[in-house]
Amino acid sequence: VCFHAIADGDSTAILFKGYTVQCRFLDSLNQELNEKGQNQAITGFQNLEKWATKKGDQNLVFAIQLNRLNHQLLGLDSGDDYNNRNLAVIVALSKNGSNEIRADAFQLLGEYYWKTKNYPLAIENYLYAYNCYKDLTFNEYPHKSDFLYTLGGKYYFFRDFDTAKKYFLEMWTKNINPNHVNNGISKLNTLA
């Protein structure tokens, strides 16, 4: 539905809108493209990125780039190398984007380093992301609950239960609408 709206010319849905509107749109698009397979998802985001670049919405271009790079990261086998050009784009966005874009970029860097088992750099980037989104409300930053849970989960992985609990509790108590928490029951069980 989302991708077809853009293809049919309804650009007012996301062009020059705030981060939250664009984020929710791209999350919906992610779901739609995931059903078509990873290669089609990457191609879809590349086409959307060209379109947003042509329209001149730089914040949207940044958000689309991160979504595309996230799909490429998910497709890596453990032996694959995430090429330097892609890492350079993510690092540039972590320095130059809005606070929300910077948080997304740091989170993606954390995911990359976690996947490549470079745990110290992964945690460092998850914490950089946290510092970007910690003062934002859920309405300002829709990924906040998922990212807080991910951060807590990484500490849980290392059996640092006190720190994990801190982030899990923050997920449930600070500016988070429990109705917008994905897999809430499972996350409550982890906290317990």
N, C-alpha and C. Protein backbone atom coordinates (compact mmCIF):
# COMPACT_ATOMS: atom_id res chain seq x y z
N VAL A 1 0.83 -1.18 0.00
CA VAL A 1 0.00 0.00 0.00
C VAL A 1 0.88 1.26 0.00
N CYS A 2 1.86 1.31 0.91
CA CYS A 2 2.71 2.51 1.02
C CYS A 2 3.50 2.74 -0.26
N PHE A 3 4.13 1.69 -0.75
CA PHE A 3 4.97 1.81 -1.94
C PHE A 3 4.13 2.23 -3.14
N HIS A 4 2.92 1.68 -3.23
CA HIS A 4 2.04 2.01 -4.34
C HIS A 4 1.57 3.46 -4.26
N ALA A 5 1.39 3.98 -3.05
CA ALA A 5 0.98 5.38 -2.90
C ALA A 5 2.03 6.31 -3.49
N ILE A 6 3.30 6.00 -3.23
CA ILE A 6 4.39 6.82 -3.78
C ILE A 6 4.45 6.64 -5.29
N ALA A 7 4.36 5.37 -5.74
CA ALA A 7 4.42 5.10 -7.17
C ALA A 7 3.29 5.80 -7.92
N ASP A 8 2.15 5.93 -7.27
CA ASP A 8 1.01 6.58 -7.90
C ASP A 8 1.05 8.10 -7.77
N GLY A 9 2.09 8.63 -7.14
CA GLY A 9 2.26 10.07 -7.10
C GLY A 9 1.81 10.75 -5.83
N ASP A 10 1.43 10.01 -4.80
CA ASP A 10 1.00 10.65 -3.55
C ASP A 10 2.22 10.94 -2.68
N SER A 11 3.00 11.91 -3.11
CA SER A 11 4.23 12.24 -2.40
C SER A 11 3.98 13.06 -1.15
N THR A 12 2.79 13.62 -1.01
CA THR A 12 2.51 14.45 0.16
C THR A 12 2.48 13.62 1.43
N ALA A 13 2.38 12.30 1.29
CA ALA A 13 2.32 11.42 2.46
C ALA A 13 3.59 11.50 3.30
N ILE A 14 4.75 11.71 2.65
CA ILE A 14 6.00 11.68 3.43
C ILE A 14 6.97 12.81 3.14
N LEU A 15 6.87 13.47 2.02
CA LEU A 15 7.85 14.50 1.69
C LEU A 15 7.80 15.66 2.68
N PHE A 16 8.97 16.01 3.19
CA PHE A 16 9.16 17.15 4.08
C PHE A 16 8.28 17.09 5.32
N LYS A 17 7.99 15.88 5.77
CA LYS A 17 7.25 15.67 7.01
C LYS A 17 8.27 15.47 8.13
N GLY A 18 7.79 15.48 9.35
CA GLY A 18 8.67 15.24 10.49
C GLY A 18 9.17 13.81 10.54
N TYR A 19 10.15 13.59 11.38
CA TYR A 19 10.76 12.27 11.49
C TYR A 19 9.73 11.19 11.80
N THR A 20 8.82 11.45 12.70
CA THR A 20 7.86 10.43 13.13
C THR A 20 7.00 9.95 11.97
N VAL A 21 6.51 10.86 11.16
CA VAL A 21 5.67 10.49 10.01
C VAL A 21 6.49 9.67 9.02
N GLN A 22 7.70 10.14 8.72
CA GLN A 22 8.54 9.42 7.77
C GLN A 22 8.96 8.06 8.32
N CYS A 23 9.24 7.99 9.61
CA CYS A 23 9.64 6.74 10.25
C CYS A 23 8.52 5.71 10.16
N ARG A 24 7.32 6.13 10.50
CA ARG A 24 6.18 5.19 10.46
C ARG A 24 5.89 4.75 9.03
N PHE A 25 6.03 5.67 8.10
CA PHE A 25 5.83 5.31 6.69
C PHE A 25 6.87 4.26 6.28
N LEU A 26 8.14 4.51 6.61
CA LEU A 26 9.20 3.58 6.21
C LEU A 26 9.08 2.24 6.92
N ASP A 27 8.60 2.25 8.16
CA ASP A 27 8.35 0.98 8.85
C ASP A 27 7.28 0.17 8.13
N SER A 28 6.22 0.84 7.67
CA SER A 28 5.17 0.16 6.91
C SER A 28 5.70 -0.34 5.58
N LEU A 29 6.53 0.47 4.95
CA LEU A 29 7.12 0.07 3.69
C LEU A 29 8.04 -1.13 3.89
N ASN A 30 8.77 -1.13 5.00
CA ASN A 30 9.63 -2.28 5.32
C ASN A 30 8.83 -3.56 5.36
N GLN A 31 7.69 -3.53 6.02
CA GLN A 31 6.84 -4.72 6.10
C GLN A 31 6.39 -5.16 4.72
N GLU A 32 5.98 -4.20 3.91
CA GLU A 32 5.51 -4.52 2.56
C GLU A 32 6.64 -5.11 1.71
N LEU A 33 7.82 -4.51 1.78
CA LEU A 33 8.94 -4.99 0.97
C LEU A 33 9.52 -6.30 1.49
N ASN A 34 9.47 -6.53 2.79
CA ASN A 34 9.96 -7.79 3.35
C ASN A 34 9.23 -8.98 2.77
N GLU A 35 7.94 -8.79 2.49
CA GLU A 35 7.15 -9.88 1.92
C GLU A 35 7.61 -10.21 0.50
N LYS A 36 8.28 -9.27 -0.16
CA LYS A 36 8.73 -9.49 -1.54
C LYS A 36 10.14 -10.07 -1.59
N GLY A 37 10.83 -10.13 -0.47
CA GLY A 37 12.19 -10.66 -0.44
C GLY A 37 13.21 -9.56 -0.29
N GLN A 38 14.37 -9.95 0.19
CA GLN A 38 15.41 -8.99 0.53
C GLN A 38 15.92 -8.21 -0.67
N ASN A 39 16.17 -8.88 -1.80
CA ASN A 39 16.68 -8.16 -2.97
C ASN A 39 15.70 -7.12 -3.47
N GLN A 40 14.41 -7.47 -3.49
CA GLN A 40 13.41 -6.51 -3.92
C GLN A 40 13.28 -5.36 -2.92
N ALA A 41 13.47 -5.68 -1.64
CA ALA A 41 13.42 -4.62 -0.62
C ALA A 41 14.54 -3.62 -0.85
N ILE A 42 15.75 -4.12 -1.08
CA ILE A 42 16.89 -3.23 -1.32
C ILE A 42 16.66 -2.39 -2.57
N THR A 43 16.19 -3.04 -3.64
CA THR A 43 15.90 -2.31 -4.88
C THR A 43 14.80 -1.27 -4.66
N GLY A 44 13.76 -1.63 -3.92
CA GLY A 44 12.69 -0.69 -3.62
C GLY A 44 13.20 0.53 -2.88
N PHE A 45 14.08 0.32 -1.90
CA PHE A 45 14.64 1.45 -1.16
C PHE A 45 15.58 2.27 -2.02
N GLN A 46 16.32 1.62 -2.93
CA GLN A 46 17.19 2.38 -3.84
C GLN A 46 16.36 3.30 -4.73
N ASN A 47 15.25 2.78 -5.26
CA ASN A 47 14.38 3.59 -6.11
C ASN A 47 13.76 4.74 -5.32
N LEU A 48 13.32 4.45 -4.10
CA LEU A 48 12.73 5.49 -3.26
C LEU A 48 13.77 6.54 -2.89
N GLU A 49 15.00 6.11 -2.65
CA GLU A 49 16.08 7.04 -2.33
C GLU A 49 16.35 8.00 -3.50
N LYS A 50 16.36 7.48 -4.72
CA LYS A 50 16.54 8.33 -5.91
C LYS A 50 15.40 9.34 -6.01
N TRP A 51 14.19 8.88 -5.77
CA TRP A 51 13.01 9.74 -5.83
C TRP A 51 13.10 10.86 -4.80
N ALA A 52 13.45 10.50 -3.55
CA ALA A 52 13.54 11.51 -2.47
C ALA A 52 14.68 12.49 -2.74
N THR A 53 15.77 12.01 -3.32
CA THR A 53 16.89 12.88 -3.68
C THR A 53 16.44 13.89 -4.74
N LYS A 54 15.71 13.40 -5.73
CA LYS A 54 15.20 14.27 -6.80
C LYS A 54 14.25 15.33 -6.24
N LYS A 55 13.47 14.95 -5.23
CA LYS A 55 12.51 15.88 -4.63
C LYS A 55 13.18 16.84 -3.66
N GLY A 56 14.42 16.53 -3.22
CA GLY A 56 15.17 17.43 -2.36
C GLY A 56 14.92 17.31 -0.86
N ASP A 57 14.33 16.20 -0.42
CA ASP A 57 14.08 16.00 1.02
C ASP A 57 15.23 15.21 1.62
N GLN A 58 16.25 15.93 2.11
CA GLN A 58 17.48 15.29 2.59
C GLN A 58 17.24 14.41 3.81
N ASN A 59 16.37 14.83 4.74
CA ASN A 59 16.10 13.99 5.91
C ASN A 59 15.48 12.65 5.50
N LEU A 60 14.59 12.69 4.54
CA LEU A 60 13.99 11.46 4.04
C LEU A 60 15.04 10.60 3.35
N VAL A 61 15.93 11.20 2.60
CA VAL A 61 17.01 10.46 1.94
C VAL A 61 17.84 9.73 3.00
N PHE A 62 18.19 10.43 4.09
CA PHE A 62 18.97 9.81 5.16
C PHE A 62 18.23 8.60 5.75
N ALA A 63 16.95 8.78 6.02
CA ALA A 63 16.16 7.70 6.62
C ALA A 63 16.06 6.51 5.67
N ILE A 64 15.88 6.78 4.40
CA ILE A 64 15.79 5.70 3.41
C ILE A 64 17.12 4.97 3.29
N GLN A 65 18.22 5.73 3.28
CA GLN A 65 19.54 5.11 3.20
C GLN A 65 19.74 4.14 4.36
N LEU A 66 19.36 4.54 5.56
CA LEU A 66 19.53 3.67 6.72
C LEU A 66 18.67 2.42 6.60
N ASN A 67 17.46 2.56 6.08
CA ASN A 67 16.61 1.38 5.88
C ASN A 67 17.22 0.43 4.86
N ARG A 68 17.73 0.97 3.76
CA ARG A 68 18.37 0.13 2.74
C ARG A 68 19.59 -0.57 3.30
N LEU A 69 20.43 0.17 4.01
CA LEU A 69 21.64 -0.42 4.57
C LEU A 69 21.30 -1.46 5.63
N ASN A 70 20.21 -1.26 6.35
CA ASN A 70 19.78 -2.25 7.33
C ASN A 70 19.41 -3.55 6.61
N HIS A 71 18.72 -3.46 5.49
CA HIS A 71 18.38 -4.67 4.72
C HIS A 71 19.64 -5.36 4.22
N GLN A 72 20.62 -4.58 3.78
CA GLN A 72 21.86 -5.18 3.32
C GLN A 72 22.59 -5.86 4.47
N LEU A 73 22.56 -5.24 5.64
CA LEU A 73 23.19 -5.84 6.82
C LEU A 73 22.52 -7.16 7.19
N LEU A 74 21.21 -7.19 7.16
CA LEU A 74 20.48 -8.40 7.52
C LEU A 74 20.80 -9.54 6.58
N GLY A 75 21.17 -9.23 5.34
CA GLY A 75 21.46 -10.27 4.36
C GLY A 75 22.88 -10.79 4.41
N LEU A 76 23.70 -10.22 5.24
CA LEU A 76 25.08 -10.67 5.30
C LEU A 76 25.19 -12.05 5.93
N ASP A 77 26.03 -12.88 5.36
CA ASP A 77 26.42 -14.11 6.03
C ASP A 77 27.53 -13.73 7.00
N SER A 78 27.78 -14.59 7.97
CA SER A 78 28.77 -14.24 8.99
C SER A 78 30.15 -14.00 8.39
N GLY A 79 30.45 -14.56 7.22
CA GLY A 79 31.75 -14.36 6.61
C GLY A 79 31.82 -13.16 5.68
N ASP A 80 30.68 -12.56 5.35
CA ASP A 80 30.65 -11.41 4.44
C ASP A 80 31.19 -10.17 5.12
N ASP A 81 31.69 -9.25 4.30
CA ASP A 81 32.18 -7.98 4.83
C ASP A 81 31.22 -6.88 4.40
N TYR A 82 30.82 -6.08 5.37
CA TYR A 82 29.95 -4.95 5.08
C TYR A 82 30.86 -3.86 4.55
N ASN A 83 30.80 -3.59 3.26
CA ASN A 83 31.84 -2.78 2.63
C ASN A 83 32.01 -1.40 3.25
N ASN A 84 33.22 -0.90 3.08
CA ASN A 84 33.61 0.37 3.72
C ASN A 84 32.73 1.54 3.29
N ARG A 85 32.24 1.53 2.06
CA ARG A 85 31.40 2.62 1.58
C ARG A 85 30.12 2.69 2.41
N ASN A 86 29.51 1.54 2.70
CA ASN A 86 28.29 1.52 3.49
C ASN A 86 28.55 1.97 4.92
N LEU A 87 29.64 1.50 5.49
CA LEU A 87 29.99 1.95 6.85
C LEU A 87 30.24 3.45 6.86
N ALA A 88 30.88 3.96 5.82
CA ALA A 88 31.16 5.40 5.75
C ALA A 88 29.86 6.20 5.70
N VAL A 89 28.86 5.71 4.97
CA VAL A 89 27.56 6.40 4.91
C VAL A 89 26.93 6.44 6.30
N ILE A 90 26.95 5.31 6.98
CA ILE A 90 26.34 5.24 8.31
C ILE A 90 27.07 6.16 9.29
N VAL A 91 28.39 6.14 9.25
CA VAL A 91 29.18 7.00 10.14
C VAL A 91 28.89 8.47 9.83
N ALA A 92 28.80 8.82 8.55
CA ALA A 92 28.49 10.22 8.17
C ALA A 92 27.12 10.63 8.71
N LEU A 93 26.14 9.73 8.62
CA LEU A 93 24.80 10.06 9.12
C LEU A 93 24.81 10.17 10.64
N SER A 94 25.64 9.37 11.30
CA SER A 94 25.70 9.45 12.76
C SER A 94 26.28 10.78 13.23
N LYS A 95 26.97 11.47 12.34
CA LYS A 95 27.56 12.76 12.69
C LYS A 95 26.75 13.94 12.19
N ASN A 96 26.02 13.76 11.09
CA ASN A 96 25.42 14.91 10.40
C ASN A 96 23.91 14.97 10.41
N GLY A 97 23.23 13.91 10.78
CA GLY A 97 21.78 13.90 10.71
C GLY A 97 21.15 14.54 11.94
N SER A 98 19.83 14.55 11.94
CA SER A 98 19.09 14.99 13.12
C SER A 98 19.36 14.00 14.26
N ASN A 99 18.95 14.35 15.46
CA ASN A 99 19.15 13.45 16.59
C ASN A 99 18.52 12.08 16.33
N GLU A 100 17.34 12.08 15.71
CA GLU A 100 16.66 10.82 15.43
C GLU A 100 17.43 10.00 14.39
N ILE A 101 17.89 10.66 13.34
CA ILE A 101 18.67 9.97 12.31
C ILE A 101 19.99 9.48 12.89
N ARG A 102 20.62 10.29 13.72
CA ARG A 102 21.87 9.88 14.36
C ARG A 102 21.64 8.64 15.23
N ALA A 103 20.53 8.62 15.97
CA ALA A 103 20.22 7.45 16.80
C ALA A 103 20.05 6.21 15.93
N ASP A 104 19.32 6.35 14.82
CA ASP A 104 19.14 5.21 13.91
C ASP A 104 20.48 4.73 13.36
N ALA A 105 21.35 5.68 13.00
CA ALA A 105 22.65 5.32 12.43
C ALA A 105 23.52 4.61 13.46
N PHE A 106 23.59 5.15 14.67
CA PHE A 106 24.38 4.48 15.71
C PHE A 106 23.82 3.09 16.02
N GLN A 107 22.50 2.97 16.05
CA GLN A 107 21.88 1.68 16.32
C GLN A 107 22.26 0.68 15.22
N LEU A 108 22.26 1.12 13.97
CA LEU A 108 22.64 0.25 12.87
C LEU A 108 24.11 -0.14 12.96
N LEU A 109 24.96 0.80 13.33
CA LEU A 109 26.37 0.45 13.55
C LEU A 109 26.50 -0.59 14.66
N GLY A 110 25.72 -0.40 15.72
CA GLY A 110 25.72 -1.38 16.81
C GLY A 110 25.32 -2.76 16.30
N GLU A 111 24.27 -2.80 15.47
CA GLU A 111 23.82 -4.08 14.90
C GLU A 111 24.91 -4.71 14.04
N TYR A 112 25.58 -3.90 13.24
CA TYR A 112 26.66 -4.41 12.39
C TYR A 112 27.77 -5.01 13.25
N TYR A 113 28.22 -4.25 14.25
CA TYR A 113 29.32 -4.75 15.07
C TYR A 113 28.89 -5.97 15.89
N TRP A 114 27.65 -6.00 16.31
CA TRP A 114 27.16 -7.17 17.05
C TRP A 114 27.17 -8.40 16.14
N LYS A 115 26.72 -8.22 14.93
CA LYS A 115 26.65 -9.34 13.98
C LYS A 115 28.04 -9.85 13.64
N THR A 116 29.03 -8.95 13.62
CA THR A 116 30.40 -9.37 13.32
C THR A 116 31.18 -9.72 14.59
N LYS A 117 30.46 -9.81 15.71
CA LYS A 117 31.00 -10.23 17.00
C LYS A 117 32.08 -9.29 17.56
N ASN A 118 31.99 -8.03 17.19
CA ASN A 118 32.86 -7.01 17.78
C ASN A 118 32.03 -6.34 18.88
N TYR A 119 31.88 -7.05 19.99
CA TYR A 119 30.95 -6.64 21.04
C TYR A 119 31.27 -5.31 21.69
N PRO A 120 32.55 -4.99 21.95
CA PRO A 120 32.81 -3.67 22.56
C PRO A 120 32.33 -2.51 21.68
N LEU A 121 32.60 -2.58 20.35
CA LEU A 121 32.13 -1.51 19.47
C LEU A 121 30.61 -1.53 19.33
N ALA A 122 30.02 -2.71 19.39
CA ALA A 122 28.56 -2.79 19.33
C ALA A 122 27.94 -2.05 20.50
N ILE A 123 28.39 -2.38 21.72
CA ILE A 123 27.84 -1.73 22.92
C ILE A 123 28.09 -0.23 22.87
N GLU A 124 29.27 0.17 22.44
CA GLU A 124 29.60 1.59 22.36
C GLU A 124 28.60 2.32 21.45
N ASN A 125 28.28 1.74 20.30
CA ASN A 125 27.36 2.38 19.37
C ASN A 125 25.93 2.33 19.85
N TYR A 126 25.53 1.24 20.52
CA TYR A 126 24.19 1.20 21.12
C TYR A 126 24.04 2.32 22.15
N LEU A 127 25.12 2.57 22.91
CA LEU A 127 25.07 3.63 23.92
C LEU A 127 25.06 5.02 23.27
N TYR A 128 25.78 5.18 22.16
CA TYR A 128 25.71 6.45 21.43
C TYR A 128 24.28 6.69 20.95
N ALA A 129 23.65 5.64 20.43
CA ALA A 129 22.25 5.76 19.99
C ALA A 129 21.38 6.15 21.18
N TYR A 130 21.57 5.48 22.30
CA TYR A 130 20.79 5.77 23.51
C TYR A 130 20.91 7.24 23.89
N ASN A 131 22.12 7.77 23.84
CA ASN A 131 22.32 9.18 24.21
C ASN A 131 21.59 10.12 23.26
N CYS A 132 21.36 9.68 22.02
CA CYS A 132 20.62 10.51 21.06
C CYS A 132 19.12 10.47 21.32
N TYR A 133 18.58 9.31 21.74
CA TYR A 133 17.12 9.19 21.86
C TYR A 133 16.59 9.20 23.29
N LYS A 134 17.44 9.18 24.28
CA LYS A 134 16.97 9.01 25.66
C LYS A 134 16.02 10.12 26.11
N ASP A 135 16.20 11.33 25.63
CA ASP A 135 15.33 12.44 26.06
C ASP A 135 14.13 12.65 25.14
N LEU A 136 14.03 11.85 24.09
CA LEU A 136 12.89 11.95 23.17
C LEU A 136 11.74 11.10 23.68
N THR A 137 10.53 11.54 23.42
CA THR A 137 9.36 10.75 23.80
C THR A 137 9.10 9.70 22.73
N PHE A 138 8.23 8.77 23.06
CA PHE A 138 7.85 7.74 22.08
C PHE A 138 7.26 8.39 20.84
N ASN A 139 6.45 9.43 21.02
CA ASN A 139 5.84 10.10 19.87
C ASN A 139 6.88 10.78 18.98
N GLU A 140 7.97 11.23 19.58
CA GLU A 140 9.03 11.85 18.79
C GLU A 140 9.94 10.81 18.14
N TYR A 141 10.05 9.65 18.79
CA TYR A 141 10.98 8.62 18.31
C TYR A 141 10.35 7.23 18.49
N PRO A 142 9.60 6.78 17.49
CA PRO A 142 8.83 5.53 17.60
C PRO A 142 9.66 4.28 17.88
N HIS A 143 10.96 4.28 17.56
CA HIS A 143 11.78 3.09 17.80
C HIS A 143 12.33 3.01 19.22
N LYS A 144 11.99 3.97 20.04
CA LYS A 144 12.59 4.05 21.37
C LYS A 144 12.41 2.77 22.18
N SER A 145 11.21 2.23 22.22
CA SER A 145 10.99 1.04 23.05
C SER A 145 11.78 -0.15 22.51
N ASP A 146 11.81 -0.34 21.20
CA ASP A 146 12.57 -1.45 20.63
C ASP A 146 14.07 -1.30 20.89
N PHE A 147 14.57 -0.08 20.76
CA PHE A 147 16.00 0.13 20.94
C PHE A 147 16.41 0.00 22.40
N LEU A 148 15.55 0.46 23.31
CA LEU A 148 15.84 0.28 24.74
C LEU A 148 15.87 -1.22 25.08
N TYR A 149 14.93 -1.96 24.53
CA TYR A 149 14.89 -3.40 24.78
C TYR A 149 16.14 -4.08 24.20
N THR A 150 16.54 -3.67 23.01
CA THR A 150 17.76 -4.23 22.41
C THR A 150 18.97 -3.95 23.29
N LEU A 151 19.09 -2.72 23.77
CA LEU A 151 20.23 -2.36 24.62
C LEU A 151 20.22 -3.18 25.90
N GLY A 152 19.06 -3.29 26.53
CA GLY A 152 18.97 -4.13 27.72
C GLY A 152 19.31 -5.58 27.42
N GLY A 153 18.87 -6.06 26.26
CA GLY A 153 19.14 -7.43 25.87
C GLY A 153 20.62 -7.73 25.68
N LYS A 154 21.37 -6.74 25.23
CA LYS A 154 22.81 -6.95 25.04
C LYS A 154 23.50 -7.11 26.40
N TYR A 155 23.07 -6.30 27.37
CA TYR A 155 23.64 -6.48 28.71
C TYR A 155 23.17 -7.80 29.32
N TYR A 156 21.97 -8.18 29.05
CA TYR A 156 21.43 -9.47 29.51
C TYR A 156 22.27 -10.61 28.94
N PHE A 157 22.66 -10.50 27.68
CA PHE A 157 23.49 -11.50 27.01
C PHE A 157 24.79 -11.74 27.79
N PHE A 158 25.37 -10.65 28.32
CA PHE A 158 26.61 -10.75 29.07
C PHE A 158 26.38 -10.99 30.56
N ARG A 159 25.14 -11.25 30.92
CA ARG A 159 24.74 -11.57 32.29
C ARG A 159 24.95 -10.40 33.25
N ASP A 160 24.92 -9.19 32.72
CA ASP A 160 24.94 -7.98 33.54
C ASP A 160 23.47 -7.61 33.78
N PHE A 161 22.85 -8.34 34.69
CA PHE A 161 21.42 -8.25 34.89
C PHE A 161 20.98 -6.91 35.47
N ASP A 162 21.82 -6.30 36.29
CA ASP A 162 21.45 -5.00 36.85
C ASP A 162 21.33 -3.93 35.76
N THR A 163 22.30 -3.89 34.86
CA THR A 163 22.24 -2.90 33.78
C THR A 163 21.11 -3.24 32.81
N ALA A 164 20.95 -4.52 32.51
CA ALA A 164 19.85 -4.95 31.63
C ALA A 164 18.51 -4.49 32.22
N LYS A 165 18.35 -4.72 33.52
CA LYS A 165 17.10 -4.34 34.19
C LYS A 165 16.86 -2.84 34.08
N LYS A 166 17.92 -2.06 34.22
CA LYS A 166 17.79 -0.59 34.12
C LYS A 166 17.15 -0.20 32.79
N TYR A 167 17.64 -0.76 31.68
CA TYR A 167 17.11 -0.39 30.37
C TYR A 167 15.73 -1.01 30.13
N PHE A 168 15.51 -2.23 30.60
CA PHE A 168 14.19 -2.84 30.46
C PHE A 168 13.13 -2.03 31.21
N LEU A 169 13.48 -1.60 32.44
CA LEU A 169 12.53 -0.79 33.21
C LEU A 169 12.30 0.57 32.55
N GLU A 170 13.36 1.15 32.04
CA GLU A 170 13.21 2.44 31.36
C GLU A 170 12.27 2.29 30.16
N MET A 171 12.37 1.16 29.49
CA MET A 171 11.50 0.92 28.33
C MET A 171 10.03 0.99 28.75
N TRP A 172 9.72 0.46 29.94
CA TRP A 172 8.33 0.41 30.37
C TRP A 172 7.87 1.66 31.11
N THR A 173 8.79 2.47 31.61
CA THR A 173 8.37 3.56 32.50
C THR A 173 8.55 4.97 31.94
N LYS A 174 9.37 5.16 30.93
CA LYS A 174 9.66 6.52 30.46
C LYS A 174 9.10 6.78 29.07
N ASN A 175 8.02 7.50 29.02
CA ASN A 175 7.47 7.98 27.76
C ASN A 175 7.12 6.89 26.76
N ILE A 176 6.86 5.70 27.22
CA ILE A 176 6.52 4.60 26.32
C ILE A 176 5.07 4.23 26.52
N ASN A 177 4.33 4.15 25.45
CA ASN A 177 2.96 3.69 25.48
C ASN A 177 2.98 2.16 25.38
N PRO A 178 2.57 1.45 26.45
CA PRO A 178 2.62 -0.03 26.42
C PRO A 178 1.89 -0.65 25.23
N ASN A 179 0.93 0.05 24.68
CA ASN A 179 0.21 -0.48 23.52
C ASN A 179 1.07 -0.49 22.25
N HIS A 180 2.18 0.24 22.26
CA HIS A 180 3.05 0.30 21.10
C HIS A 180 4.32 -0.53 21.27
N VAL A 181 4.37 -1.37 22.28
CA VAL A 181 5.53 -2.23 22.50
C VAL A 181 5.30 -3.54 21.76
N ASN A 182 6.19 -3.84 20.83
CA ASN A 182 6.10 -5.10 20.09
C ASN A 182 6.45 -6.26 21.01
N ASN A 183 5.68 -7.34 20.94
CA ASN A 183 5.93 -8.53 21.76
C ASN A 183 6.03 -8.20 23.25
N GLY A 184 5.09 -7.40 23.72
CA GLY A 184 5.11 -6.91 25.11
C GLY A 184 5.16 -8.00 26.16
N ILE A 185 4.41 -9.08 25.97
CA ILE A 185 4.41 -10.16 26.95
C ILE A 185 5.78 -10.78 27.08
N SER A 186 6.43 -11.04 25.95
CA SER A 186 7.77 -11.61 25.98
C SER A 186 8.76 -10.67 26.67
N LYS A 187 8.61 -9.38 26.42
CA LYS A 187 9.52 -8.40 27.03
C LYS A 187 9.28 -8.29 28.53
N LEU A 188 8.04 -8.41 28.96
CA LEU A 188 7.76 -8.43 30.40
C LEU A 188 8.35 -9.68 31.05
N ASN A 189 8.26 -10.81 30.37
CA ASN A 189 8.85 -12.04 30.89
C ASN A 189 10.36 -11.92 31.04
N THR A 190 11.01 -11.28 30.08
CA THR A 190 12.46 -11.07 30.16
C THR A 190 12.79 -10.20 31.35
N LEU A 191 12.02 -9.14 31.56
CA LEU A 191 12.25 -8.26 32.70
C LEU A 191 12.08 -9.05 34.01
N ALA A 192 11.05 -9.88 34.07
CA ALA A 192 10.82 -10.68 35.29
C ALA A 192 12.00 -11.59 35.55
